[in-house]
Amino acid sequence: MPVRKRLNKRVERADFPVLPELREAFCRYVDSEPQQPVSAWPEYWTLADLLEAAGAPVEPLVGVCCWHPAEAVQDPVSLAVYRRLAAT
């Protein structure tokens, strides 16, 4: 009888290479304070551009690029990206 494997789709979506410049941009993003509007937050855009270049799931993260510790929003996809970056 075949065995059904349960896949964690969030983990798959957060599977992308973490390059040193991406890690540095992530650290600068976490150290920064969230700014509104997001268009005035340079660390956000730098991280978003590097995540997109690495093949991370940026498209579904319209509201937030990646979960920020100072934000209350905890979208499962953005939290998975955060955890992937924080684990490296």
C-alpha atoms as a PDB file:
ATOM      1  CA  MET A   1       0.000   0.000   0.000  1.00  0.00           C
ATOM      2  CA  PRO A   2       1.448   3.400  -0.951  1.00  0.00           C
ATOM      3  CA  VAL A   3       2.392   5.750   1.831  1.00  0.00           C
ATOM      4  CA  ARG A   4       1.007   9.266   1.623  1.00  0.00           C
ATOM      5  CA  LYS A   5       3.464  11.905   2.693  1.00  0.00           C
ATOM      6  CA  ARG A   6       2.191  15.118   4.124  1.00  0.00           C
ATOM      7  CA  LEU A   7       4.113  18.020   2.669  1.00  0.00           C
ATOM      8  CA  ASN A   8       4.563  21.272   4.473  1.00  0.00           C
ATOM      9  CA  LYS A   9       3.906  23.723   1.653  1.00  0.00           C
ATOM     10  CA  ARG A  10       5.131  26.699   3.678  1.00  0.00           C
ATOM     11  CA  VAL A  11       8.552  25.115   4.024  1.00  0.00           C
ATOM     12  CA  GLU A  12       8.693  24.454   0.284  1.00  0.00           C
ATOM     13  CA  ARG A  13       7.781  28.048  -0.504  1.00  0.00           C
ATOM     14  CA  ALA A  14      10.506  29.289   1.817  1.00  0.00           C
ATOM     15  CA  ASP A  15      13.198  27.140   0.204  1.00  0.00           C
ATOM     16  CA  PHE A  16      15.677  29.500  -1.474  1.00  0.00           C
ATOM     17  CA  PRO A  17      19.446  30.070  -1.291  1.00  0.00           C
ATOM     18  CA  VAL A  18      20.527  32.511   1.403  1.00  0.00           C
ATOM     19  CA  LEU A  19      23.483  34.431   0.029  1.00  0.00           C
ATOM     20  CA  PRO A  20      25.714  36.556   2.313  1.00  0.00           C
ATOM     21  CA  GLU A  21      24.333  39.838   0.912  1.00  0.00           C
ATOM     22  CA  LEU A  22      20.797  38.574   1.528  1.00  0.00           C
ATOM     23  CA  ARG A  23      21.698  37.732   5.112  1.00  0.00           C
ATOM     24  CA  GLU A  24      23.231  41.208   5.626  1.00  0.00           C
ATOM     25  CA  ALA A  25      20.158  42.890   4.134  1.00  0.00           C
ATOM     26  CA  PHE A  26      17.951  40.792   6.430  1.00  0.00           C
ATOM     27  CA  CYS A  27      19.951  41.861   9.502  1.00  0.00           C
ATOM     28  CA  ARG A  28      19.665  45.537   8.475  1.00  0.00           C
ATOM     29  CA  TYR A  29      15.906  45.014   7.916  1.00  0.00           C
ATOM     30  CA  VAL A  30      15.381  43.501  11.383  1.00  0.00           C
ATOM     31  CA  ASP A  31      17.505  46.223  13.030  1.00  0.00           C
ATOM     32  CA  SER A  32      15.485  48.959  11.318  1.00  0.00           C
ATOM     33  CA  GLU A  33      12.187  50.318  12.546  1.00  0.00           C
ATOM     34  CA  PRO A  34       9.097  49.702  10.396  1.00  0.00           C
ATOM     35  CA  GLN A  35       8.140  52.786   8.411  1.00  0.00           C
ATOM     36  CA  GLN A  36       4.835  53.767   6.892  1.00  0.00           C
ATOM     37  CA  PRO A  37       4.365  54.131   4.052  1.00  0.00           C
ATOM     38  CA  VAL A  38       6.533  51.188   3.065  1.00  0.00           C
ATOM     39  CA  SER A  39       7.819  53.180   0.089  1.00  0.00           C
ATOM     40  CA  ALA A  40       9.871  55.240   2.588  1.00  0.00           C
ATOM     41  CA  TRP A  41      11.550  52.151   4.094  1.00  0.00           C
ATOM     42  CA  PRO A  42      14.817  51.468   2.184  1.00  0.00           C
ATOM     43  CA  GLU A  43      15.729  48.303   4.126  1.00  0.00           C
ATOM     44  CA  TYR A  44      12.374  46.789   3.156  1.00  0.00           C
ATOM     45  CA  TRP A  45      12.946  47.354  -0.560  1.00  0.00           C
ATOM     46  CA  THR A  46      16.544  46.159  -0.500  1.00  0.00           C
ATOM     47  CA  LEU A  47      15.485  42.927   1.177  1.00  0.00           C
ATOM     48  CA  ALA A  48      12.500  42.494  -1.156  1.00  0.00           C
ATOM     49  CA  ASP A  49      14.719  42.898  -4.236  1.00  0.00           C
ATOM     50  CA  LEU A  50      17.284  40.391  -2.950  1.00  0.00           C
ATOM     51  CA  LEU A  51      14.558  37.902  -1.969  1.00  0.00           C
ATOM     52  CA  GLU A  52      13.035  38.158  -5.426  1.00  0.00           C
ATOM     53  CA  ALA A  53      16.449  37.598  -7.032  1.00  0.00           C
ATOM     54  CA  ALA A  54      16.979  34.512  -4.827  1.00  0.00           C
ATOM     55  CA  GLY A  55      13.629  33.045  -5.874  1.00  0.00           C
ATOM     56  CA  ALA A  56      11.887  33.542  -2.548  1.00  0.00           C
ATOM     57  CA  PRO A  57       8.085  33.859  -2.516  1.00  0.00           C
ATOM     58  CA  VAL A  58       7.868  37.656  -2.666  1.00  0.00           C
ATOM     59  CA  GLU A  59       4.755  37.824  -4.874  1.00  0.00           C
ATOM     60  CA  PRO A  60       2.301  36.564  -2.214  1.00  0.00           C
ATOM     61  CA  LEU A  61       3.822  38.964   0.303  1.00  0.00           C
ATOM     62  CA  VAL A  62       2.138  42.091  -0.987  1.00  0.00           C
ATOM     63  CA  GLY A  63       1.538  43.631   2.434  1.00  0.00           C
ATOM     64  CA  VAL A  64       4.821  42.659   4.033  1.00  0.00           C
ATOM     65  CA  CYS A  65       8.083  41.537   2.499  1.00  0.00           C
ATOM     66  CA  CYS A  66       9.044  39.417   5.425  1.00  0.00           C
ATOM     67  CA  TRP A  67       7.831  39.341   9.016  1.00  0.00           C
ATOM     68  CA  HIS A  68       9.431  42.025  11.174  1.00  0.00           C
ATOM     69  CA  PRO A  69       9.664  41.473  14.961  1.00  0.00           C
ATOM     70  CA  ALA A  70       8.149  44.905  15.605  1.00  0.00           C
ATOM     71  CA  GLU A  71       5.065  44.166  13.492  1.00  0.00           C
ATOM     72  CA  ALA A  72       1.963  42.410  14.737  1.00  0.00           C
ATOM     73  CA  VAL A  73       1.155  40.871  11.333  1.00  0.00           C
ATOM     74  CA  GLN A  74       2.120  37.205  11.248  1.00  0.00           C
ATOM     75  CA  ASP A  75       1.310  35.940   7.777  1.00  0.00           C
ATOM     76  CA  PRO A  76       2.347  32.250   7.549  1.00  0.00           C
ATOM     77  CA  VAL A  77       4.321  32.721   4.313  1.00  0.00           C
ATOM     78  CA  SER A  78       6.212  35.793   5.478  1.00  0.00           C
ATOM     79  CA  LEU A  79       6.898  34.133   8.822  1.00  0.00           C
ATOM     80  CA  ALA A  80       8.331  31.106   6.963  1.00  0.00           C
ATOM     81  CA  VAL A  81      10.642  33.415   4.994  1.00  0.00           C
ATOM     82  CA  TYR A  82      11.675  35.137   8.235  1.00  0.00           C
ATOM     83  CA  ARG A  83      12.448  31.800   9.865  1.00  0.00           C
ATOM     84  CA  ARG A  84      14.460  30.661   6.847  1.00  0.00           C
ATOM     85  CA  LEU A  85      16.574  33.826   6.969  1.00  0.00           C
ATOM     86  CA  ALA A  86      16.919  33.790  10.762  1.00  0.00           C
ATOM     87  CA  ALA A  87      18.073  30.158  10.750  1.00  0.00           C
ATOM     88  CA  THR A  88      21.156  30.901   8.644  1.00  0.00           C
END
